[in-house]
Amino acid sequence: MMRVNSSSERSHPQSFAGKTNIEVISTTSYISPWLSSLAYFLGHNFLMPLFFGQIQVTGQENIPRSGPVLLAPTHRSRWDALLVPYATGRMVSGRDLRFMVTSTECTGIQGWFIRRLGGFAVNAKHPSVSTLRHAMDILRQGEILVIFPEGGIRKGKLHPLKPGISRLALSAEATTPGLGVKILPIGITYSQENPSWGTDIHIQIGKPIQVRDYMQGDSKDNAKRLMSDLTQALQKLSCHGSDLADHHFVKIANS
């Protein structure tokens, strides 16, 4: 069982990446080997190909096979959380994915599955210090962490990105010199705004952005440059659903 622990008792407020007055709480996440294997098998071979129409995945050669990676996908549907592992996870890269998930999603039976498939909750408005440290620990251990940089689901064109992903990547690289964090932009486009049975999908995986290239000079300027470059990369990887409506894929690239 793959487990990452970042636990600490409740304490006085601390600061992290410019944030203050955040309460420290315990954070733990792990991947259940049997459940993860079952989920990947069913999703890759049955759920995705049977529910959707044509699924085209390009750029899988850009997925790093080792080292810490932050996957930064666009977010247009709840299906994104299943399509990202389908296009980049164990069946493709041999690597499991960890997810930073909003706390409202980690409840009930859904929360039970999320926590056992590598996900961990974050308060999007007020992320705790231990949650951010836990995310950094995942990167320090050379794993893949998925963060949707737009925040919640956004329809239409690319929306302004949240600055947290750049701060996290830069903080991890700064506190562990030579770590080699990479950010991998991913554009997910559906042929329908509200995906349903038979919807076509195009997943475009961009080239990795080397975080170490943004470590010189003022930290705030570095974060802005990184966010600007990530935004440009995601804009290039995003297309409109109407562009897919009349497109006939030759094959499913991820089969």
C-alpha atoms as a PDB file:
ATOM      1  CA  MET A   1       0.000   0.000   0.000  1.00  0.00           C
ATOM      2  CA  MET A   2       1.487   3.321  -1.084  1.00  0.00           C
ATOM      3  CA  ARG A   3       1.044   5.865   1.701  1.00  0.00           C
ATOM      4  CA  VAL A   4       2.171   9.431   2.280  1.00  0.00           C
ATOM      5  CA  ASN A   5       1.714  10.885   5.738  1.00  0.00           C
ATOM      6  CA  SER A   6       1.886  14.556   6.667  1.00  0.00           C
ATOM      7  CA  SER A   7       0.435  14.599  10.119  1.00  0.00           C
ATOM      8  CA  SER A   8       0.642  17.133  12.896  1.00  0.00           C
ATOM      9  CA  GLU A   9      -1.429  18.019  15.935  1.00  0.00           C
ATOM     10  CA  ARG A  10      -3.584  21.126  15.953  1.00  0.00           C
ATOM     11  CA  SER A  11      -1.382  24.086  16.754  1.00  0.00           C
ATOM     12  CA  HIS A  12      -1.132  27.831  16.478  1.00  0.00           C
ATOM     13  CA  PRO A  13      -1.577  29.394  13.042  1.00  0.00           C
ATOM     14  CA  GLN A  14       1.433  29.242  10.766  1.00  0.00           C
ATOM     15  CA  SER A  15       2.310  30.694   7.367  1.00  0.00           C
ATOM     16  CA  PHE A  16       2.901  28.909   4.068  1.00  0.00           C
ATOM     17  CA  ALA A  17       3.458  30.400   0.641  1.00  0.00           C
ATOM     18  CA  GLY A  18       2.303  33.810   1.805  1.00  0.00           C
ATOM     19  CA  LYS A  19      -0.785  32.555   3.669  1.00  0.00           C
ATOM     20  CA  THR A  20      -1.326  33.235   7.367  1.00  0.00           C
ATOM     21  CA  ASN A  21      -3.796  32.372  10.103  1.00  0.00           C
ATOM     22  CA  ILE A  22      -4.311  28.859   8.791  1.00  0.00           C
ATOM     23  CA  GLU A  23      -4.992  26.077  11.281  1.00  0.00           C
ATOM     24  CA  VAL A  24      -2.758  23.016  11.034  1.00  0.00           C
ATOM     25  CA  ILE A  25      -4.637  19.710  10.852  1.00  0.00           C
ATOM     26  CA  SER A  26      -3.730  16.112  10.142  1.00  0.00           C
ATOM     27  CA  THR A  27      -3.530  14.977   6.511  1.00  0.00           C
ATOM     28  CA  THR A  28      -3.025  11.437   5.251  1.00  0.00           C
ATOM     29  CA  SER A  29      -3.591   9.790   1.876  1.00  0.00           C
ATOM     30  CA  TYR A  30      -2.775   6.476   0.276  1.00  0.00           C
ATOM     31  CA  ILE A  31      -3.384   4.219  -2.710  1.00  0.00           C
ATOM     32  CA  SER A  32      -5.074   0.882  -2.155  1.00  0.00           C
ATOM     33  CA  PRO A  33      -3.282  -1.557  -4.508  1.00  0.00           C
ATOM     34  CA  TRP A  34      -6.289  -3.816  -5.146  1.00  0.00           C
ATOM     35  CA  LEU A  35      -8.816  -0.997  -5.514  1.00  0.00           C
ATOM     36  CA  SER A  36      -6.530   1.051  -7.733  1.00  0.00           C
ATOM     37  CA  SER A  37      -5.805  -1.907 -10.007  1.00  0.00           C
ATOM     38  CA  LEU A  38      -9.520  -2.674 -10.306  1.00  0.00           C
ATOM     39  CA  ALA A  39     -10.439   0.966 -10.977  1.00  0.00           C
ATOM     40  CA  TYR A  40      -7.815   1.370 -13.718  1.00  0.00           C
ATOM     41  CA  PHE A  41      -8.821  -1.902 -15.370  1.00  0.00           C
ATOM     42  CA  LEU A  42     -12.549  -1.155 -15.393  1.00  0.00           C
ATOM     43  CA  GLY A  43     -12.106   2.475 -16.403  1.00  0.00           C
ATOM     44  CA  HIS A  44      -9.620   1.833 -19.184  1.00  0.00           C
ATOM     45  CA  ASN A  45     -11.276  -1.215 -20.713  1.00  0.00           C
ATOM     46  CA  PHE A  46     -14.982  -0.712 -20.080  1.00  0.00           C
ATOM     47  CA  LEU A  47     -16.295   2.565 -18.631  1.00  0.00           C
ATOM     48  CA  MET A  48     -14.444   5.085 -20.819  1.00  0.00           C
ATOM     49  CA  PRO A  49     -14.627   3.305 -24.199  1.00  0.00           C
ATOM     50  CA  LEU A  50     -18.227   2.116 -23.725  1.00  0.00           C
ATOM     51  CA  PHE A  51     -19.677   5.391 -22.474  1.00  0.00           C
ATOM     52  CA  PHE A  52     -17.945   7.857 -24.760  1.00  0.00           C
ATOM     53  CA  GLY A  53     -17.681   7.965 -28.535  1.00  0.00           C
ATOM     54  CA  GLN A  54     -14.188   8.411 -29.923  1.00  0.00           C
ATOM     55  CA  ILE A  55     -11.431   9.278 -27.460  1.00  0.00           C
ATOM     56  CA  GLN A  56      -8.298  10.744 -29.003  1.00  0.00           C
ATOM     57  CA  VAL A  57      -5.231  11.218 -26.810  1.00  0.00           C
ATOM     58  CA  THR A  58      -2.163  13.000 -28.156  1.00  0.00           C
ATOM     59  CA  GLY A  59       1.151  13.851 -26.530  1.00  0.00           C
ATOM     60  CA  GLN A  60       1.499  10.816 -24.256  1.00  0.00           C
ATOM     61  CA  GLU A  61       5.204  10.777 -25.081  1.00  0.00           C
ATOM     62  CA  ASN A  62       5.448  13.972 -22.994  1.00  0.00           C
ATOM     63  CA  ILE A  63       4.518  12.190 -19.742  1.00  0.00           C
ATOM     64  CA  PRO A  64       7.621  11.911 -17.508  1.00  0.00           C
ATOM     65  CA  ARG A  65       8.195   8.280 -16.517  1.00  0.00           C
ATOM     66  CA  SER A  66       9.893   9.270 -13.265  1.00  0.00           C
ATOM     67  CA  GLY A  67      10.327  12.227 -10.954  1.00  0.00           C
ATOM     68  CA  PRO A  68       7.848  14.680  -9.423  1.00  0.00           C
ATOM     69  CA  VAL A  69       5.137  15.919 -11.768  1.00  0.00           C
ATOM     70  CA  LEU A  70       2.221  18.287 -11.365  1.00  0.00           C
ATOM     71  CA  LEU A  71      -0.511  17.507 -13.874  1.00  0.00           C
ATOM     72  CA  ALA A  72      -2.471  20.664 -14.730  1.00  0.00           C
ATOM     73  CA  PRO A  73      -5.603  19.749 -16.737  1.00  0.00           C
ATOM     74  CA  THR A  74      -8.397  22.030 -17.874  1.00  0.00           C
ATOM     75  CA  HIS A  75     -11.655  21.348 -16.012  1.00  0.00           C
ATOM     76  CA  ARG A  76     -14.887  21.136 -18.015  1.00  0.00           C
ATOM     77  CA  SER A  77     -16.684  18.172 -16.445  1.00  0.00           C
ATOM     78  CA  ARG A  78     -16.688  15.766 -13.507  1.00  0.00           C
ATOM     79  CA  TRP A  79     -15.519  13.183 -16.040  1.00  0.00           C
ATOM     80  CA  ASP A  80     -12.120  14.923 -16.104  1.00  0.00           C
ATOM     81  CA  ALA A  81     -11.107  13.181 -12.889  1.00  0.00           C
ATOM     82  CA  LEU A  82     -11.508   9.813 -14.661  1.00  0.00           C
ATOM     83  CA  LEU A  83     -10.143  10.838 -18.039  1.00  0.00           C
ATOM     84  CA  VAL A  84      -6.851  12.152 -16.645  1.00  0.00           C
ATOM     85  CA  PRO A  85      -5.885   8.717 -15.197  1.00  0.00           C
ATOM     86  CA  TYR A  86      -7.160   7.091 -18.412  1.00  0.00           C
ATOM     87  CA  ALA A  87      -4.804   9.227 -20.504  1.00  0.00           C
ATOM     88  CA  THR A  88      -1.782   9.450 -18.200  1.00  0.00           C
ATOM     89  CA  GLY A  89      -2.024   6.898 -15.391  1.00  0.00           C
ATOM     90  CA  ARG A  90      -0.893   3.379 -14.651  1.00  0.00           C
ATOM     91  CA  MET A  91      -2.064   1.772 -17.902  1.00  0.00           C
ATOM     92  CA  VAL A  92      -0.097   4.353 -19.921  1.00  0.00           C
ATOM     93  CA  SER A  93       2.867   5.536 -17.869  1.00  0.00           C
ATOM     94  CA  GLY A  94       3.094   2.817 -15.228  1.00  0.00           C
ATOM     95  CA  ARG A  95       2.521   5.488 -12.575  1.00  0.00           C
ATOM     96  CA  ASP A  96      -0.303   6.108 -10.105  1.00  0.00           C
ATOM     97  CA  LEU A  97      -1.776   9.576  -9.721  1.00  0.00           C
ATOM     98  CA  ARG A  98      -2.483  11.553  -6.573  1.00  0.00           C
ATOM     99  CA  PHE A  99      -5.311  14.117  -6.554  1.00  0.00           C
ATOM    100  CA  MET A 100      -5.893  17.299  -4.597  1.00  0.00           C
ATOM    101  CA  VAL A 101      -9.689  17.319  -4.247  1.00  0.00           C
ATOM    102  CA  THR A 102     -12.000  19.966  -2.786  1.00  0.00           C
ATOM    103  CA  SER A 103     -13.257  18.978   0.645  1.00  0.00           C
ATOM    104  CA  THR A 104     -16.903  19.074  -0.508  1.00  0.00           C
ATOM    105  CA  GLU A 105     -16.145  16.164  -2.873  1.00  0.00           C
ATOM    106  CA  CYS A 106     -14.604  13.967  -0.175  1.00  0.00           C
ATOM    107  CA  THR A 107     -17.811  12.950   1.589  1.00  0.00           C
ATOM    108  CA  GLY A 108     -19.889   9.786   1.703  1.00  0.00           C
ATOM    109  CA  ILE A 109     -19.111   6.784  -0.481  1.00  0.00           C
ATOM    110  CA  GLN A 110     -17.431   9.019  -3.069  1.00  0.00           C
ATOM    111  CA  GLY A 111     -15.035  10.278  -0.401  1.00  0.00           C
ATOM    112  CA  TRP A 112     -14.301   6.696   0.647  1.00  0.00           C
ATOM    113  CA  PHE A 113     -13.163   5.854  -2.886  1.00  0.00           C
ATOM    114  CA  ILE A 114     -11.269   9.119  -3.360  1.00  0.00           C
ATOM    115  CA  ARG A 115      -9.219   8.645  -0.206  1.00  0.00           C
ATOM    116  CA  ARG A 116      -8.263   5.098  -1.227  1.00  0.00           C
ATOM    117  CA  LEU A 117      -7.344   6.067  -4.780  1.00  0.00           C
ATOM    118  CA  GLY A 118      -4.727   8.648  -3.816  1.00  0.00           C
ATOM    119  CA  GLY A 119      -6.956  11.670  -3.298  1.00  0.00           C
ATOM    120  CA  PHE A 120      -6.870  14.032  -0.346  1.00  0.00           C
ATOM    121  CA  ALA A 121      -9.144  16.899   0.624  1.00  0.00           C
ATOM    122  CA  VAL A 122      -8.308  20.589   0.506  1.00  0.00           C
ATOM    123  CA  ASN A 123     -10.328  23.573   1.591  1.00  0.00           C
ATOM    124  CA  ALA A 124     -10.132  25.573  -1.638  1.00  0.00           C
ATOM    125  CA  LYS A 125     -10.704  28.925   0.066  1.00  0.00           C
ATOM    126  CA  HIS A 126      -8.534  28.331   3.125  1.00  0.00           C
ATOM    127  CA  PRO A 127      -6.072  25.452   2.517  1.00  0.00           C
ATOM    128  CA  SER A 128      -4.499  24.227   5.731  1.00  0.00           C
ATOM    129  CA  VAL A 129      -0.761  24.190   6.244  1.00  0.00           C
ATOM    130  CA  SER A 130      -0.707  20.405   6.601  1.00  0.00           C
ATOM    131  CA  THR A 131      -2.599  19.929   3.327  1.00  0.00           C
ATOM    132  CA  LEU A 132      -0.045  22.027   1.448  1.00  0.00           C
ATOM    133  CA  ARG A 133       2.827  20.254   3.182  1.00  0.00           C
ATOM    134  CA  HIS A 134       1.266  16.938   2.270  1.00  0.00           C
ATOM    135  CA  ALA A 135       1.149  17.965  -1.396  1.00  0.00           C
ATOM    136  CA  MET A 136       4.818  18.951  -1.186  1.00  0.00           C
ATOM    137  CA  ASP A 137       5.677  15.592   0.411  1.00  0.00           C
ATOM    138  CA  ILE A 138       4.040  13.824  -2.540  1.00  0.00           C
ATOM    139  CA  LEU A 139       6.249  15.772  -4.941  1.00  0.00           C
ATOM    140  CA  ARG A 140       9.364  15.200  -2.813  1.00  0.00           C
ATOM    141  CA  GLN A 141       8.737  11.462  -3.077  1.00  0.00           C
ATOM    142  CA  GLY A 142       8.792  11.748  -6.863  1.00  0.00           C
ATOM    143  CA  GLU A 143       5.094  11.099  -7.449  1.00  0.00           C
ATOM    144  CA  ILE A 144       2.500  12.603  -9.792  1.00  0.00           C
ATOM    145  CA  LEU A 145       0.051  15.080  -8.290  1.00  0.00           C
ATOM    146  CA  VAL A 146      -3.046  16.302 -10.163  1.00  0.00           C
ATOM    147  CA  ILE A 147      -4.349  19.828  -9.550  1.00  0.00           C
ATOM    148  CA  PHE A 148      -7.011  21.500 -11.687  1.00  0.00           C
ATOM    149  CA  PRO A 149      -5.524  25.007 -11.963  1.00  0.00           C
ATOM    150  CA  GLU A 150      -8.833  26.661 -12.907  1.00  0.00           C
ATOM    151  CA  GLY A 151     -10.296  25.528  -9.594  1.00  0.00           C
ATOM    152  CA  GLY A 152     -13.806  24.177 -10.097  1.00  0.00           C
ATOM    153  CA  ILE A 153     -15.509  23.142 -13.318  1.00  0.00           C
ATOM    154  CA  ARG A 154     -15.461  25.962 -15.868  1.00  0.00           C
ATOM    155  CA  LYS A 155     -17.448  25.947 -19.103  1.00  0.00           C
ATOM    156  CA  GLY A 156     -16.249  27.481 -22.351  1.00  0.00           C
ATOM    157  CA  LYS A 157     -12.835  29.032 -22.802  1.00  0.00           C
ATOM    158  CA  LEU A 158      -9.920  28.787 -20.394  1.00  0.00           C
ATOM    159  CA  HIS A 159     -10.577  30.692 -17.182  1.00  0.00           C
ATOM    160  CA  PRO A 160      -7.945  32.533 -15.078  1.00  0.00           C
ATOM    161  CA  LEU A 161      -5.745  30.047 -13.242  1.00  0.00           C
ATOM    162  CA  LYS A 162      -5.436  29.933  -9.481  1.00  0.00           C
ATOM    163  CA  PRO A 163      -1.922  30.895  -8.261  1.00  0.00           C
ATOM    164  CA  GLY A 164      -1.669  27.972  -5.836  1.00  0.00           C
ATOM    165  CA  ILE A 165      -0.200  25.540  -8.353  1.00  0.00           C
ATOM    166  CA  SER A 166       2.789  27.771  -9.138  1.00  0.00           C
ATOM    167  CA  ARG A 167       3.400  28.554  -5.463  1.00  0.00           C
ATOM    168  CA  LEU A 168       3.315  24.865  -4.596  1.00  0.00           C
ATOM    169  CA  ALA A 169       5.689  23.897  -7.410  1.00  0.00           C
ATOM    170  CA  LEU A 170       8.148  26.699  -6.631  1.00  0.00           C
ATOM    171  CA  SER A 171       8.050  26.000  -2.882  1.00  0.00           C
ATOM    172  CA  ALA A 172       8.771  22.296  -3.407  1.00  0.00           C
ATOM    173  CA  GLU A 173      11.673  23.077  -5.740  1.00  0.00           C
ATOM    174  CA  ALA A 174      13.072  25.758  -3.418  1.00  0.00           C
ATOM    175  CA  THR A 175      12.992  23.604  -0.276  1.00  0.00           C
ATOM    176  CA  THR A 176      14.495  20.568  -2.037  1.00  0.00           C
ATOM    177  CA  PRO A 177      17.197  21.798  -4.434  1.00  0.00           C
ATOM    178  CA  GLY A 178      17.541  19.626  -7.510  1.00  0.00           C
ATOM    179  CA  LEU A 179      14.102  18.042  -7.014  1.00  0.00           C
ATOM    180  CA  GLY A 180      13.215  18.592 -10.657  1.00  0.00           C
ATOM    181  CA  VAL A 181       9.479  19.323 -10.456  1.00  0.00           C
ATOM    182  CA  LYS A 182       7.724  19.459 -13.823  1.00  0.00           C
ATOM    183  CA  ILE A 183       4.268  20.852 -14.624  1.00  0.00           C
ATOM    184  CA  LEU A 184       2.443  19.011 -17.405  1.00  0.00           C
ATOM    185  CA  PRO A 185      -0.370  21.009 -19.063  1.00  0.00           C
ATOM    186  CA  ILE A 186      -3.342  18.991 -20.357  1.00  0.00           C
ATOM    187  CA  GLY A 187      -6.251  20.208 -22.454  1.00  0.00           C
ATOM    188  CA  ILE A 188      -9.495  18.199 -22.316  1.00  0.00           C
ATOM    189  CA  THR A 189     -12.149  19.004 -24.926  1.00  0.00           C
ATOM    190  CA  TYR A 190     -15.618  17.449 -25.256  1.00  0.00           C
ATOM    191  CA  SER A 191     -17.747  17.585 -28.394  1.00  0.00           C
ATOM    192  CA  GLN A 192     -20.685  18.572 -26.168  1.00  0.00           C
ATOM    193  CA  GLU A 193     -20.670  21.162 -23.405  1.00  0.00           C
ATOM    194  CA  ASN A 194     -22.435  18.712 -21.097  1.00  0.00           C
ATOM    195  CA  PRO A 195     -20.868  15.300 -21.857  1.00  0.00           C
ATOM    196  CA  SER A 196     -23.277  12.402 -22.290  1.00  0.00           C
ATOM    197  CA  TRP A 197     -23.266   8.961 -23.862  1.00  0.00           C
ATOM    198  CA  GLY A 198     -21.443   8.998 -27.195  1.00  0.00           C
ATOM    199  CA  THR A 199     -19.611  12.296 -26.640  1.00  0.00           C
ATOM    200  CA  ASP A 200     -16.271  12.544 -28.472  1.00  0.00           C
ATOM    201  CA  ILE A 201     -13.207  13.662 -26.538  1.00  0.00           C
ATOM    202  CA  HIS A 202      -9.799  15.042 -27.442  1.00  0.00           C
ATOM    203  CA  ILE A 203      -7.128  15.028 -24.721  1.00  0.00           C
ATOM    204  CA  GLN A 204      -3.967  16.937 -25.599  1.00  0.00           C
ATOM    205  CA  ILE A 205      -0.901  16.548 -23.381  1.00  0.00           C
ATOM    206  CA  GLY A 206       1.624  19.350 -23.700  1.00  0.00           C
ATOM    207  CA  LYS A 207       5.344  19.450 -23.098  1.00  0.00           C
ATOM    208  CA  PRO A 208       6.540  19.571 -19.472  1.00  0.00           C
ATOM    209  CA  ILE A 209       7.364  22.939 -17.956  1.00  0.00           C
ATOM    210  CA  GLN A 210      10.591  22.796 -15.940  1.00  0.00           C
ATOM    211  CA  VAL A 211      10.005  24.572 -12.630  1.00  0.00           C
ATOM    212  CA  ARG A 212      13.741  25.022 -12.052  1.00  0.00           C
ATOM    213  CA  ASP A 213      13.744  27.515 -14.924  1.00  0.00           C
ATOM    214  CA  TYR A 214      11.726  29.891 -12.733  1.00  0.00           C
ATOM    215  CA  MET A 215      13.922  29.892  -9.642  1.00  0.00           C
ATOM    216  CA  GLN A 216      16.094  32.940 -10.328  1.00  0.00           C
ATOM    217  CA  GLY A 217      15.260  36.422  -9.075  1.00  0.00           C
ATOM    218  CA  ASP A 218      12.181  37.639  -7.234  1.00  0.00           C
ATOM    219  CA  SER A 219       9.862  34.828  -6.122  1.00  0.00           C
ATOM    220  CA  LYS A 220       6.678  36.759  -6.910  1.00  0.00           C
ATOM    221  CA  ASP A 221       7.889  37.549 -10.413  1.00  0.00           C
ATOM    222  CA  ASN A 222       8.850  33.896 -10.878  1.00  0.00           C
ATOM    223  CA  ALA A 223       5.363  32.765  -9.864  1.00  0.00           C
ATOM    224  CA  LYS A 224       3.767  35.229 -12.288  1.00  0.00           C
ATOM    225  CA  ARG A 225       5.997  34.094 -15.164  1.00  0.00           C
ATOM    226  CA  LEU A 226       5.245  30.456 -14.426  1.00  0.00           C
ATOM    227  CA  MET A 227       1.498  31.100 -14.336  1.00  0.00           C
ATOM    228  CA  SER A 228       1.696  33.098 -17.570  1.00  0.00           C
ATOM    229  CA  ASP A 229       3.556  30.319 -19.378  1.00  0.00           C
ATOM    230  CA  LEU A 230       1.182  27.644 -18.028  1.00  0.00           C
ATOM    231  CA  THR A 231      -1.805  29.727 -19.151  1.00  0.00           C
ATOM    232  CA  GLN A 232      -0.364  30.062 -22.660  1.00  0.00           C
ATOM    233  CA  ALA A 233       0.336  26.331 -22.819  1.00  0.00           C
ATOM    234  CA  LEU A 234      -3.226  25.442 -21.764  1.00  0.00           C
ATOM    235  CA  GLN A 235      -4.696  27.912 -24.245  1.00  0.00           C
ATOM    236  CA  LYS A 236      -2.823  26.191 -27.061  1.00  0.00           C
ATOM    237  CA  LEU A 237      -4.061  22.781 -25.903  1.00  0.00           C
ATOM    238  CA  SER A 238      -7.688  23.847 -25.592  1.00  0.00           C
ATOM    239  CA  CYS A 239     -10.168  23.879 -28.446  1.00  0.00           C
ATOM    240  CA  HIS A 240     -13.907  24.400 -28.696  1.00  0.00           C
ATOM    241  CA  GLY A 241     -16.344  21.509 -28.552  1.00  0.00           C
ATOM    242  CA  SER A 242     -17.741  22.575 -31.908  1.00  0.00           C
ATOM    243  CA  ASP A 243     -14.352  21.766 -33.428  1.00  0.00           C
ATOM    244  CA  LEU A 244     -14.914  18.120 -32.476  1.00  0.00           C
ATOM    245  CA  ALA A 245     -18.548  17.861 -33.463  1.00  0.00           C
ATOM    246  CA  ASP A 246     -17.780  17.314 -37.153  1.00  0.00           C
ATOM    247  CA  HIS A 247     -14.437  15.600 -36.605  1.00  0.00           C
ATOM    248  CA  HIS A 248     -14.151  11.874 -37.295  1.00  0.00           C
ATOM    249  CA  PHE A 249     -11.321  10.228 -35.399  1.00  0.00           C
ATOM    250  CA  VAL A 250      -9.504   7.459 -37.168  1.00  0.00           C
ATOM    251  CA  LYS A 251      -8.873   5.504 -33.986  1.00  0.00           C
ATOM    252  CA  ILE A 252      -8.714   5.710 -30.247  1.00  0.00           C
ATOM    253  CA  ALA A 253      -5.120   6.699 -29.656  1.00  0.00           C
ATOM    254  CA  ASN A 254      -5.068   5.276 -26.141  1.00  0.00           C
ATOM    255  CA  SER A 255      -6.320   1.803 -26.988  1.00  0.00           C
END
